[in-house]
Amino acid sequence: MGPKEAFDFSQEPWRLMKRLRGLAAQPYFGPAVALFATYLLFGILSPETFWGVANFTTMLRQTVVVGIAAIGMTMVMIHGGIDLSVGSGVALATVVVALLLRAGLGPVGSSLVAIAVCALAGVGMGVLITRLRVTPFIITLGGMSMLRGLAKGLAGEQKIDADSKGLDRLMAPGTWAVLPAGVWIGLAIALIAGAVLVYTRFGKHVFAVGSNEQTARLCGVEVSRIRIAVYGLAALLTGIAGIMEFSTLTVGDPTDSFGLELEVIAAVVIGGGSLSGGEGSIVGSLLGALWMTVIKTGGTHLGLPNWVQEIATGAIIVAAVAVDRWRKK
């Protein structure tokens, strides 16, 4: 075989096109393009303040809470569920960790207890959904109210001031390797969750339940166990997001993160997740979360009032759901 036969350069364009088509078929391709285009647009409109490592780092910090919560929501939505209690769970975590810190418990112990409380709440909602056979929307809507009420009751309906004992450094800018430690923690969680969804039996069962629950049952999948585990894991991640929120606020606030669940759900749908289940990716959800942060930050740099940014966020949510429905048709 001569060099011409061994290296058929005429095939390279076709191979490149095939690879590009494969890339474009990925669920996170659209969000990645939208994120890049939006980032470029705001950079052009506000070059003096938008460009720069400092601003980009700030946007990453602002994405951590939604991003970590979106990882859990991704699993919930892939398996065909929904969780409306995310914002209340984050607020509850900030209150619990603040109370425990004030009581003298260390930062690690306080954080673990707060995360465990959220995880138990998630397991409880998963059990109710499976045992009562009530739609996740209703159960988690009730959970949203109960967790918010619990947070207010524990806090006496006021903010809880406490010495953060170093937890504030999680989200402090440039604390470790340029980026805050919280950003690295979020990325590590994303890598682990992505690997679990793609490479483990549990992950395959999560997709199977979301694609067709009845077929999954016939194939021997323990649907109830998967559902309880998914809601427990998602709530655990909500607890971690709450610790990151406390790191930013340094107070326990029972009224914090009101409506956060809408941003989290939007991030997942924008990232290629489906409200009908069976679709989604961790990468796509993180891109969706970062995209919304870029839009908010860009609007601030352009001097747009907050109500305009809220309208834009709402429009993005509606558009994301519309695209999801269009894809299904």
C-alpha atoms as a PDB file:
ATOM      1  CA  MET A   1       0.000   0.000   0.000  1.00  0.00           C
ATOM      2  CA  GLY A   2       1.466   3.333  -1.066  1.00  0.00           C
ATOM      3  CA  PRO A   3       1.317   6.566   0.863  1.00  0.00           C
ATOM      4  CA  LYS A   4      -1.581   7.827  -1.225  1.00  0.00           C
ATOM      5  CA  GLU A   5      -3.707   4.809  -0.341  1.00  0.00           C
ATOM      6  CA  ALA A   6      -2.626   4.877   3.312  1.00  0.00           C
ATOM      7  CA  PHE A   7      -3.510   8.551   3.701  1.00  0.00           C
ATOM      8  CA  ASP A   8      -6.614   9.295   1.667  1.00  0.00           C
ATOM      9  CA  PHE A   9      -6.867  13.013   2.319  1.00  0.00           C
ATOM     10  CA  SER A  10      -9.953  13.248   0.122  1.00  0.00           C
ATOM     11  CA  GLN A  11     -11.929  11.599   2.922  1.00  0.00           C
ATOM     12  CA  GLU A  12     -10.893  14.099   5.588  1.00  0.00           C
ATOM     13  CA  PRO A  13     -13.607  16.706   4.824  1.00  0.00           C
ATOM     14  CA  TRP A  14     -16.270  14.006   5.054  1.00  0.00           C
ATOM     15  CA  ARG A  15     -14.874  12.724   8.322  1.00  0.00           C
ATOM     16  CA  LEU A  16     -14.833  16.259   9.693  1.00  0.00           C
ATOM     17  CA  MET A  17     -18.434  16.823   8.611  1.00  0.00           C
ATOM     18  CA  LYS A  18     -19.449  13.553  10.243  1.00  0.00           C
ATOM     19  CA  ARG A  19     -17.806  14.583  13.491  1.00  0.00           C
ATOM     20  CA  LEU A  20     -19.467  18.005  13.357  1.00  0.00           C
ATOM     21  CA  ARG A  21     -22.867  16.406  12.761  1.00  0.00           C
ATOM     22  CA  GLY A  22     -22.273  14.133  15.722  1.00  0.00           C
ATOM     23  CA  LEU A  23     -21.340  17.119  17.867  1.00  0.00           C
ATOM     24  CA  ALA A  24     -24.400  19.071  16.738  1.00  0.00           C
ATOM     25  CA  ALA A  25     -26.586  16.115  17.688  1.00  0.00           C
ATOM     26  CA  GLN A  26     -25.485  16.342  21.322  1.00  0.00           C
ATOM     27  CA  PRO A  27     -28.175  17.821  23.615  1.00  0.00           C
ATOM     28  CA  TYR A  28     -25.758  20.418  24.965  1.00  0.00           C
ATOM     29  CA  PHE A  29     -24.678  21.746  21.539  1.00  0.00           C
ATOM     30  CA  GLY A  30     -27.508  24.296  21.298  1.00  0.00           C
ATOM     31  CA  PRO A  31     -26.976  25.680  24.816  1.00  0.00           C
ATOM     32  CA  ALA A  32     -23.227  25.913  24.199  1.00  0.00           C
ATOM     33  CA  VAL A  33     -23.756  27.930  21.019  1.00  0.00           C
ATOM     34  CA  ALA A  34     -26.330  30.179  22.725  1.00  0.00           C
ATOM     35  CA  LEU A  35     -23.981  30.739  25.672  1.00  0.00           C
ATOM     36  CA  PHE A  36     -21.057  31.638  23.422  1.00  0.00           C
ATOM     37  CA  ALA A  37     -23.167  33.982  21.264  1.00  0.00           C
ATOM     38  CA  THR A  38     -24.687  35.726  24.294  1.00  0.00           C
ATOM     39  CA  TYR A  39     -21.313  36.115  25.991  1.00  0.00           C
ATOM     40  CA  LEU A  40     -19.849  37.555  22.794  1.00  0.00           C
ATOM     41  CA  LEU A  41     -22.798  39.940  22.337  1.00  0.00           C
ATOM     42  CA  PHE A  42     -22.557  41.409  25.827  1.00  0.00           C
ATOM     43  CA  GLY A  43     -18.793  41.643  25.467  1.00  0.00           C
ATOM     44  CA  ILE A  44     -19.231  43.724  22.316  1.00  0.00           C
ATOM     45  CA  LEU A  45     -21.933  45.927  23.854  1.00  0.00           C
ATOM     46  CA  SER A  46     -20.032  46.488  27.097  1.00  0.00           C
ATOM     47  CA  PRO A  47     -16.355  45.781  26.381  1.00  0.00           C
ATOM     48  CA  GLU A  48     -14.890  47.901  29.165  1.00  0.00           C
ATOM     49  CA  THR A  49     -16.644  46.093  32.014  1.00  0.00           C
ATOM     50  CA  PHE A  50     -17.833  42.723  30.692  1.00  0.00           C
ATOM     51  CA  TRP A  51     -14.585  41.275  29.373  1.00  0.00           C
ATOM     52  CA  GLY A  52     -12.035  40.103  31.864  1.00  0.00           C
ATOM     53  CA  VAL A  53     -11.151  37.240  34.160  1.00  0.00           C
ATOM     54  CA  ALA A  54     -12.610  38.952  37.229  1.00  0.00           C
ATOM     55  CA  ASN A  55     -16.072  39.292  35.707  1.00  0.00           C
ATOM     56  CA  PHE A  56     -16.019  35.739  34.362  1.00  0.00           C
ATOM     57  CA  THR A  57     -15.003  34.429  37.785  1.00  0.00           C
ATOM     58  CA  THR A  58     -17.841  36.393  39.351  1.00  0.00           C
ATOM     59  CA  MET A  59     -20.319  34.813  36.936  1.00  0.00           C
ATOM     60  CA  LEU A  60     -19.026  31.352  37.808  1.00  0.00           C
ATOM     61  CA  ARG A  61     -19.517  32.128  41.503  1.00  0.00           C
ATOM     62  CA  GLN A  62     -23.059  33.315  40.831  1.00  0.00           C
ATOM     63  CA  THR A  63     -23.803  30.095  38.938  1.00  0.00           C
ATOM     64  CA  VAL A  64     -22.666  27.685  41.655  1.00  0.00           C
ATOM     65  CA  VAL A  65     -25.903  27.511  43.676  1.00  0.00           C
ATOM     66  CA  VAL A  66     -28.186  27.102  40.660  1.00  0.00           C
ATOM     67  CA  GLY A  67     -25.668  24.809  38.965  1.00  0.00           C
ATOM     68  CA  ILE A  68     -25.356  22.355  41.862  1.00  0.00           C
ATOM     69  CA  ALA A  69     -29.119  22.303  42.379  1.00  0.00           C
ATOM     70  CA  ALA A  70     -29.566  21.803  38.621  1.00  0.00           C
ATOM     71  CA  ILE A  71     -27.406  18.664  38.752  1.00  0.00           C
ATOM     72  CA  GLY A  72     -29.921  17.123  41.132  1.00  0.00           C
ATOM     73  CA  MET A  73     -32.875  18.436  39.138  1.00  0.00           C
ATOM     74  CA  THR A  74     -31.381  16.883  36.009  1.00  0.00           C
ATOM     75  CA  MET A  75     -31.625  13.433  37.571  1.00  0.00           C
ATOM     76  CA  VAL A  76     -35.155  14.150  38.781  1.00  0.00           C
ATOM     77  CA  MET A  77     -36.360  15.308  35.365  1.00  0.00           C
ATOM     78  CA  ILE A  78     -34.570  12.548  33.450  1.00  0.00           C
ATOM     79  CA  HIS A  79     -36.460   9.972  35.509  1.00  0.00           C
ATOM     80  CA  GLY A  80     -39.720  11.774  34.721  1.00  0.00           C
ATOM     81  CA  GLY A  81     -40.261  13.822  37.869  1.00  0.00           C
ATOM     82  CA  ILE A  82     -40.136  17.406  39.042  1.00  0.00           C
ATOM     83  CA  ASP A  83     -39.085  19.064  42.303  1.00  0.00           C
ATOM     84  CA  LEU A  84     -40.589  22.386  43.344  1.00  0.00           C
ATOM     85  CA  SER A  85     -39.021  22.392  46.805  1.00  0.00           C
ATOM     86  CA  VAL A  86     -35.489  23.389  45.767  1.00  0.00           C
ATOM     87  CA  GLY A  87     -35.638  27.025  46.865  1.00  0.00           C
ATOM     88  CA  SER A  88     -37.153  26.112  50.225  1.00  0.00           C
ATOM     89  CA  GLY A  89     -34.532  23.395  50.689  1.00  0.00           C
ATOM     90  CA  VAL A  90     -31.715  25.866  50.090  1.00  0.00           C
ATOM     91  CA  ALA A  91     -33.225  28.304  52.602  1.00  0.00           C
ATOM     92  CA  LEU A  92     -33.652  25.513  55.162  1.00  0.00           C
ATOM     93  CA  ALA A  93     -30.006  24.492  54.746  1.00  0.00           C
ATOM     94  CA  THR A  94     -28.813  28.051  55.408  1.00  0.00           C
ATOM     95  CA  VAL A  95     -30.927  28.223  58.566  1.00  0.00           C
ATOM     96  CA  VAL A  96     -29.820  24.828  59.899  1.00  0.00           C
ATOM     97  CA  VAL A  97     -26.125  25.480  59.325  1.00  0.00           C
ATOM     98  CA  ALA A  98     -26.389  28.947  60.903  1.00  0.00           C
ATOM     99  CA  LEU A  99     -28.164  27.603  63.993  1.00  0.00           C
ATOM    100  CA  LEU A 100     -25.628  24.813  64.448  1.00  0.00           C
ATOM    101  CA  LEU A 101     -22.682  27.163  64.007  1.00  0.00           C
ATOM    102  CA  ARG A 102     -24.179  29.495  66.590  1.00  0.00           C
ATOM    103  CA  ALA A 103     -24.632  26.506  68.924  1.00  0.00           C
ATOM    104  CA  GLY A 104     -20.908  25.790  68.717  1.00  0.00           C
ATOM    105  CA  LEU A 105     -20.744  22.948  66.202  1.00  0.00           C
ATOM    106  CA  GLY A 106     -17.878  23.110  63.712  1.00  0.00           C
ATOM    107  CA  PRO A 107     -18.312  24.081  60.049  1.00  0.00           C
ATOM    108  CA  VAL A 108     -17.953  20.521  58.732  1.00  0.00           C
ATOM    109  CA  GLY A 109     -20.406  19.039  61.215  1.00  0.00           C
ATOM    110  CA  SER A 110     -22.904  21.860  60.695  1.00  0.00           C
ATOM    111  CA  SER A 111     -22.722  21.447  56.935  1.00  0.00           C
ATOM    112  CA  LEU A 112     -23.149  17.670  57.084  1.00  0.00           C
ATOM    113  CA  VAL A 113     -26.197  17.938  59.339  1.00  0.00           C
ATOM    114  CA  ALA A 114     -27.801  20.565  57.076  1.00  0.00           C
ATOM    115  CA  ILE A 115     -27.161  18.417  54.009  1.00  0.00           C
ATOM    116  CA  ALA A 116     -28.537  15.343  55.798  1.00  0.00           C
ATOM    117  CA  VAL A 117     -31.729  17.215  56.769  1.00  0.00           C
ATOM    118  CA  CYS A 118     -32.325  18.147  53.131  1.00  0.00           C
ATOM    119  CA  ALA A 119     -31.541  14.607  51.951  1.00  0.00           C
ATOM    120  CA  LEU A 120     -34.024  13.125  54.434  1.00  0.00           C
ATOM    121  CA  ALA A 121     -36.675  15.556  53.218  1.00  0.00           C
ATOM    122  CA  GLY A 122     -36.022  14.427  49.647  1.00  0.00           C
ATOM    123  CA  VAL A 123     -36.247  10.761  50.597  1.00  0.00           C
ATOM    124  CA  GLY A 124     -39.510  11.499  52.385  1.00  0.00           C
ATOM    125  CA  MET A 125     -40.986  13.134  49.296  1.00  0.00           C
ATOM    126  CA  GLY A 126     -39.809  10.212  47.168  1.00  0.00           C
ATOM    127  CA  VAL A 127     -41.506   7.761  49.534  1.00  0.00           C
ATOM    128  CA  LEU A 128     -44.752   9.748  49.464  1.00  0.00           C
ATOM    129  CA  ILE A 129     -44.719   9.878  45.670  1.00  0.00           C
ATOM    130  CA  THR A 130     -44.220   6.124  45.367  1.00  0.00           C
ATOM    131  CA  ARG A 131     -46.547   5.044  48.190  1.00  0.00           C
ATOM    132  CA  LEU A 132     -49.411   7.457  47.617  1.00  0.00           C
ATOM    133  CA  ARG A 133     -49.023   7.363  43.821  1.00  0.00           C
ATOM    134  CA  VAL A 134     -49.531  11.121  43.704  1.00  0.00           C
ATOM    135  CA  THR A 135     -47.893  13.200  40.994  1.00  0.00           C
ATOM    136  CA  PRO A 136     -44.502  14.672  41.952  1.00  0.00           C
ATOM    137  CA  PHE A 137     -45.837  18.161  41.236  1.00  0.00           C
ATOM    138  CA  ILE A 138     -48.327  17.951  44.116  1.00  0.00           C
ATOM    139  CA  ILE A 139     -45.987  16.293  46.617  1.00  0.00           C
ATOM    140  CA  THR A 140     -43.074  18.643  45.976  1.00  0.00           C
ATOM    141  CA  LEU A 141     -45.408  21.654  45.966  1.00  0.00           C
ATOM    142  CA  GLY A 142     -46.476  20.633  49.445  1.00  0.00           C
ATOM    143  CA  GLY A 143     -42.838  19.976  50.307  1.00  0.00           C
ATOM    144  CA  MET A 144     -41.950  23.477  49.162  1.00  0.00           C
ATOM    145  CA  SER A 145     -44.429  24.964  51.628  1.00  0.00           C
ATOM    146  CA  MET A 146     -43.469  22.635  54.490  1.00  0.00           C
ATOM    147  CA  LEU A 147     -39.720  23.167  54.152  1.00  0.00           C
ATOM    148  CA  ARG A 148     -40.186  26.925  53.924  1.00  0.00           C
ATOM    149  CA  GLY A 149     -42.385  26.853  57.002  1.00  0.00           C
ATOM    150  CA  LEU A 150     -39.865  24.689  58.855  1.00  0.00           C
ATOM    151  CA  ALA A 151     -37.075  27.118  57.984  1.00  0.00           C
ATOM    152  CA  LYS A 152     -39.132  30.058  59.262  1.00  0.00           C
ATOM    153  CA  GLY A 153     -40.078  28.189  62.424  1.00  0.00           C
ATOM    154  CA  LEU A 154     -36.497  27.213  63.250  1.00  0.00           C
ATOM    155  CA  ALA A 155     -35.298  30.752  62.585  1.00  0.00           C
ATOM    156  CA  GLY A 156     -38.141  32.441  64.446  1.00  0.00           C
ATOM    157  CA  GLU A 157     -39.033  34.163  61.163  1.00  0.00           C
ATOM    158  CA  GLN A 158     -35.845  36.201  61.182  1.00  0.00           C
ATOM    159  CA  LYS A 159     -32.334  35.982  59.808  1.00  0.00           C
ATOM    160  CA  ILE A 160     -29.823  34.009  61.855  1.00  0.00           C
ATOM    161  CA  ASP A 161     -26.447  35.678  62.273  1.00  0.00           C
ATOM    162  CA  ALA A 162     -23.589  33.287  63.010  1.00  0.00           C
ATOM    163  CA  ASP A 163     -19.829  33.136  62.787  1.00  0.00           C
ATOM    164  CA  SER A 164     -19.226  31.304  59.502  1.00  0.00           C
ATOM    165  CA  LYS A 165     -16.039  29.735  60.935  1.00  0.00           C
ATOM    166  CA  GLY A 166     -14.409  29.638  57.533  1.00  0.00           C
ATOM    167  CA  LEU A 167     -17.410  28.577  55.442  1.00  0.00           C
ATOM    168  CA  ASP A 168     -17.432  32.023  53.859  1.00  0.00           C
ATOM    169  CA  ARG A 169     -14.155  31.116  52.150  1.00  0.00           C
ATOM    170  CA  LEU A 170     -15.951  28.541  49.989  1.00  0.00           C
ATOM    171  CA  MET A 171     -17.270  31.291  47.732  1.00  0.00           C
ATOM    172  CA  ALA A 172     -14.615  33.922  48.341  1.00  0.00           C
ATOM    173  CA  PRO A 173     -13.029  35.049  45.043  1.00  0.00           C
ATOM    174  CA  GLY A 174      -9.640  33.631  44.193  1.00  0.00           C
ATOM    175  CA  THR A 175      -9.276  31.504  47.316  1.00  0.00           C
ATOM    176  CA  TRP A 176      -7.805  28.496  45.538  1.00  0.00           C
ATOM    177  CA  ALA A 177      -6.236  28.225  42.088  1.00  0.00           C
ATOM    178  CA  VAL A 178      -7.850  31.487  40.878  1.00  0.00           C
ATOM    179  CA  LEU A 179     -11.407  30.149  41.209  1.00  0.00           C
ATOM    180  CA  PRO A 180     -13.309  29.890  44.506  1.00  0.00           C
ATOM    181  CA  ALA A 181     -13.325  26.473  46.166  1.00  0.00           C
ATOM    182  CA  GLY A 182     -17.104  26.331  45.685  1.00  0.00           C
ATOM    183  CA  VAL A 183     -16.691  26.399  41.916  1.00  0.00           C
ATOM    184  CA  TRP A 184     -14.258  23.478  42.040  1.00  0.00           C
ATOM    185  CA  ILE A 185     -16.613  21.575  44.329  1.00  0.00           C
ATOM    186  CA  GLY A 186     -19.452  22.157  41.874  1.00  0.00           C
ATOM    187  CA  LEU A 187     -17.340  20.925  38.962  1.00  0.00           C
ATOM    188  CA  ALA A 188     -16.300  17.827  40.919  1.00  0.00           C
ATOM    189  CA  ILE A 189     -19.938  17.055  41.722  1.00  0.00           C
ATOM    190  CA  ALA A 190     -20.825  17.513  38.054  1.00  0.00           C
ATOM    191  CA  LEU A 191     -18.119  15.069  36.946  1.00  0.00           C
ATOM    192  CA  ILE A 192     -19.222  12.446  39.459  1.00  0.00           C
ATOM    193  CA  ALA A 193     -22.925  12.860  38.664  1.00  0.00           C
ATOM    194  CA  GLY A 194     -22.251  12.760  34.924  1.00  0.00           C
ATOM    195  CA  ALA A 195     -20.234   9.568  35.266  1.00  0.00           C
ATOM    196  CA  VAL A 196     -22.960   7.986  37.392  1.00  0.00           C
ATOM    197  CA  LEU A 197     -25.663   8.794  34.841  1.00  0.00           C
ATOM    198  CA  VAL A 198     -23.666   7.591  31.840  1.00  0.00           C
ATOM    199  CA  TYR A 199     -21.616   4.656  33.073  1.00  0.00           C
ATOM    200  CA  THR A 200     -23.482   3.027  35.962  1.00  0.00           C
ATOM    201  CA  ARG A 201     -26.441   0.692  36.152  1.00  0.00           C
ATOM    202  CA  PHE A 202     -28.236   3.197  38.342  1.00  0.00           C
ATOM    203  CA  GLY A 203     -27.861   5.898  35.695  1.00  0.00           C
ATOM    204  CA  LYS A 204     -29.200   3.633  32.966  1.00  0.00           C
ATOM    205  CA  HIS A 205     -32.182   2.796  35.152  1.00  0.00           C
ATOM    206  CA  VAL A 206     -32.856   6.501  35.729  1.00  0.00           C
ATOM    207  CA  PHE A 207     -33.061   7.039  31.971  1.00  0.00           C
ATOM    208  CA  ALA A 208     -35.142   3.883  31.535  1.00  0.00           C
ATOM    209  CA  VAL A 209     -37.746   4.978  34.086  1.00  0.00           C
ATOM    210  CA  GLY A 210     -38.035   8.386  32.451  1.00  0.00           C
ATOM    211  CA  SER A 211     -38.291   6.997  28.935  1.00  0.00           C
ATOM    212  CA  ASN A 212     -40.998   4.424  29.691  1.00  0.00           C
ATOM    213  CA  GLU A 213     -41.813   3.523  33.270  1.00  0.00           C
ATOM    214  CA  GLN A 214     -43.976   0.526  32.392  1.00  0.00           C
ATOM    215  CA  THR A 215     -41.323  -0.981  30.146  1.00  0.00           C
ATOM    216  CA  ALA A 216     -38.716  -0.378  32.833  1.00  0.00           C
ATOM    217  CA  ARG A 217     -40.853  -2.317  35.319  1.00  0.00           C
ATOM    218  CA  LEU A 218     -41.223  -5.212  32.897  1.00  0.00           C
ATOM    219  CA  CYS A 219     -37.441  -5.254  32.492  1.00  0.00           C
ATOM    220  CA  GLY A 220     -36.982  -5.698  36.223  1.00  0.00           C
ATOM    221  CA  VAL A 221     -36.126  -2.131  37.210  1.00  0.00           C
ATOM    222  CA  GLU A 222     -37.086  -1.303  40.802  1.00  0.00           C
ATOM    223  CA  VAL A 223     -38.890   1.904  39.880  1.00  0.00           C
ATOM    224  CA  SER A 224     -39.841   2.811  43.451  1.00  0.00           C
ATOM    225  CA  ARG A 225     -36.264   2.478  44.694  1.00  0.00           C
ATOM    226  CA  ILE A 226     -34.938   4.503  41.776  1.00  0.00           C
ATOM    227  CA  ARG A 227     -37.478   7.251  42.446  1.00  0.00           C
ATOM    228  CA  ILE A 228     -36.709   7.449  46.163  1.00  0.00           C
ATOM    229  CA  ALA A 229     -32.959   7.433  45.486  1.00  0.00           C
ATOM    230  CA  VAL A 230     -33.262  10.158  42.847  1.00  0.00           C
ATOM    231  CA  TYR A 231     -35.238  12.496  45.091  1.00  0.00           C
ATOM    232  CA  GLY A 232     -32.876  11.786  47.979  1.00  0.00           C
ATOM    233  CA  LEU A 233     -29.789  12.550  45.885  1.00  0.00           C
ATOM    234  CA  ALA A 234     -31.369  15.670  44.398  1.00  0.00           C
ATOM    235  CA  ALA A 235     -32.253  16.967  47.863  1.00  0.00           C
ATOM    236  CA  LEU A 236     -28.735  16.162  49.075  1.00  0.00           C
ATOM    237  CA  LEU A 237     -27.375  18.345  46.281  1.00  0.00           C
ATOM    238  CA  THR A 238     -29.897  21.018  47.236  1.00  0.00           C
ATOM    239  CA  GLY A 239     -28.382  20.912  50.714  1.00  0.00           C
ATOM    240  CA  ILE A 240     -24.897  21.396  49.272  1.00  0.00           C
ATOM    241  CA  ALA A 241     -26.231  24.315  47.232  1.00  0.00           C
ATOM    242  CA  GLY A 242     -27.605  25.707  50.484  1.00  0.00           C
ATOM    243  CA  ILE A 243     -24.148  25.548  52.071  1.00  0.00           C
ATOM    244  CA  MET A 244     -22.788  27.515  49.107  1.00  0.00           C
ATOM    245  CA  GLU A 245     -25.593  30.035  49.563  1.00  0.00           C
ATOM    246  CA  PHE A 246     -24.718  30.395  53.243  1.00  0.00           C
ATOM    247  CA  SER A 247     -21.082  30.904  52.256  1.00  0.00           C
ATOM    248  CA  THR A 248     -22.214  33.868  50.167  1.00  0.00           C
ATOM    249  CA  LEU A 249     -24.752  35.329  52.617  1.00  0.00           C
ATOM    250  CA  THR A 250     -23.023  34.305  55.893  1.00  0.00           C
ATOM    251  CA  VAL A 251     -26.487  34.318  57.511  1.00  0.00           C
ATOM    252  CA  GLY A 252     -29.308  31.818  57.727  1.00  0.00           C
ATOM    253  CA  ASP A 253     -32.222  33.343  55.846  1.00  0.00           C
ATOM    254  CA  PRO A 254     -35.584  31.493  55.845  1.00  0.00           C
ATOM    255  CA  THR A 255     -36.896  33.760  53.078  1.00  0.00           C
ATOM    256  CA  ASP A 256     -33.903  33.233  50.791  1.00  0.00           C
ATOM    257  CA  SER A 257     -33.999  31.573  47.352  1.00  0.00           C
ATOM    258  CA  PHE A 258     -37.703  32.175  46.786  1.00  0.00           C
ATOM    259  CA  GLY A 259     -38.445  31.032  43.219  1.00  0.00           C
ATOM    260  CA  LEU A 260     -35.020  29.424  42.799  1.00  0.00           C
ATOM    261  CA  GLU A 261     -36.660  26.198  41.620  1.00  0.00           C
ATOM    262  CA  LEU A 262     -37.876  27.972  38.475  1.00  0.00           C
ATOM    263  CA  GLU A 263     -34.332  28.974  37.550  1.00  0.00           C
ATOM    264  CA  VAL A 264     -33.106  25.449  38.234  1.00  0.00           C
ATOM    265  CA  ILE A 265     -35.825  23.844  36.117  1.00  0.00           C
ATOM    266  CA  ALA A 266     -35.171  26.380  33.358  1.00  0.00           C
ATOM    267  CA  ALA A 267     -31.452  25.563  33.414  1.00  0.00           C
ATOM    268  CA  VAL A 268     -32.214  21.871  32.918  1.00  0.00           C
ATOM    269  CA  VAL A 269     -34.720  22.463  30.106  1.00  0.00           C
ATOM    270  CA  ILE A 270     -32.436  24.975  28.372  1.00  0.00           C
ATOM    271  CA  GLY A 271     -29.669  22.383  28.626  1.00  0.00           C
ATOM    272  CA  GLY A 272     -31.658  19.793  26.700  1.00  0.00           C
ATOM    273  CA  GLY A 273     -33.666  18.202  29.490  1.00  0.00           C
ATOM    274  CA  SER A 274     -37.290  17.289  28.907  1.00  0.00           C
ATOM    275  CA  LEU A 275     -40.296  17.873  31.135  1.00  0.00           C
ATOM    276  CA  SER A 276     -41.556  14.508  29.887  1.00  0.00           C
ATOM    277  CA  GLY A 277     -38.500  12.637  31.134  1.00  0.00           C
ATOM    278  CA  GLY A 278     -35.921  10.412  29.484  1.00  0.00           C
ATOM    279  CA  GLU A 279     -33.637  13.211  28.283  1.00  0.00           C
ATOM    280  CA  GLY A 280     -31.031  15.505  29.773  1.00  0.00           C
ATOM    281  CA  SER A 281     -27.357  15.872  30.592  1.00  0.00           C
ATOM    282  CA  ILE A 282     -25.289  17.355  33.387  1.00  0.00           C
ATOM    283  CA  VAL A 283     -23.186  19.364  30.932  1.00  0.00           C
ATOM    284  CA  GLY A 284     -26.264  20.836  29.283  1.00  0.00           C
ATOM    285  CA  SER A 285     -27.826  21.821  32.603  1.00  0.00           C
ATOM    286  CA  LEU A 286     -24.651  23.592  33.730  1.00  0.00           C
ATOM    287  CA  LEU A 287     -24.469  25.429  30.418  1.00  0.00           C
ATOM    288  CA  GLY A 288     -28.098  26.468  30.869  1.00  0.00           C
ATOM    289  CA  ALA A 289     -27.386  27.761  34.365  1.00  0.00           C
ATOM    290  CA  LEU A 290     -24.334  29.689  33.197  1.00  0.00           C
ATOM    291  CA  TRP A 291     -26.267  31.135  30.247  1.00  0.00           C
ATOM    292  CA  MET A 292     -28.891  32.628  32.551  1.00  0.00           C
ATOM    293  CA  THR A 293     -26.141  34.098  34.730  1.00  0.00           C
ATOM    294  CA  VAL A 294     -24.496  35.653  31.673  1.00  0.00           C
ATOM    295  CA  ILE A 295     -27.806  37.247  30.673  1.00  0.00           C
ATOM    296  CA  LYS A 296     -28.356  38.688  34.163  1.00  0.00           C
ATOM    297  CA  THR A 297     -24.783  39.938  34.428  1.00  0.00           C
ATOM    298  CA  GLY A 298     -24.839  41.384  30.929  1.00  0.00           C
ATOM    299  CA  GLY A 299     -28.076  43.197  31.672  1.00  0.00           C
ATOM    300  CA  THR A 300     -26.542  44.686  34.804  1.00  0.00           C
ATOM    301  CA  HIS A 301     -23.472  45.868  32.901  1.00  0.00           C
ATOM    302  CA  LEU A 302     -25.732  47.513  30.318  1.00  0.00           C
ATOM    303  CA  GLY A 303     -27.664  49.268  33.068  1.00  0.00           C
ATOM    304  CA  LEU A 304     -30.939  47.446  32.419  1.00  0.00           C
ATOM    305  CA  PRO A 305     -33.395  47.614  35.344  1.00  0.00           C
ATOM    306  CA  ASN A 306     -34.105  44.472  37.328  1.00  0.00           C
ATOM    307  CA  TRP A 307     -37.646  44.124  35.997  1.00  0.00           C
ATOM    308  CA  VAL A 308     -36.337  43.886  32.434  1.00  0.00           C
ATOM    309  CA  GLN A 309     -33.984  41.092  33.488  1.00  0.00           C
ATOM    310  CA  GLU A 310     -36.868  39.271  35.184  1.00  0.00           C
ATOM    311  CA  ILE A 311     -38.969  39.531  32.021  1.00  0.00           C
ATOM    312  CA  ALA A 312     -36.053  38.191  29.987  1.00  0.00           C
ATOM    313  CA  THR A 313     -35.599  35.273  32.388  1.00  0.00           C
ATOM    314  CA  GLY A 314     -39.312  34.472  32.217  1.00  0.00           C
ATOM    315  CA  ALA A 315     -39.249  34.623  28.429  1.00  0.00           C
ATOM    316  CA  ILE A 316     -36.301  32.222  28.385  1.00  0.00           C
ATOM    317  CA  ILE A 317     -38.206  29.752  30.570  1.00  0.00           C
ATOM    318  CA  VAL A 318     -41.277  29.907  28.312  1.00  0.00           C
ATOM    319  CA  ALA A 319     -39.125  29.562  25.188  1.00  0.00           C
ATOM    320  CA  ALA A 320     -37.243  26.604  26.661  1.00  0.00           C
ATOM    321  CA  VAL A 321     -40.483  24.779  27.468  1.00  0.00           C
ATOM    322  CA  ALA A 322     -41.859  25.595  23.999  1.00  0.00           C
ATOM    323  CA  VAL A 323     -38.731  24.181  22.360  1.00  0.00           C
ATOM    324  CA  ASP A 324     -39.026  21.061  24.513  1.00  0.00           C
ATOM    325  CA  ARG A 325     -42.619  20.531  23.380  1.00  0.00           C
ATOM    326  CA  TRP A 326     -41.658  21.207  19.763  1.00  0.00           C
ATOM    327  CA  ARG A 327     -38.898  18.590  19.958  1.00  0.00           C
ATOM    328  CA  LYS A 328     -41.387  16.045  21.268  1.00  0.00           C
ATOM    329  CA  LYS A 329     -43.713  16.647  18.327  1.00  0.00           C
END
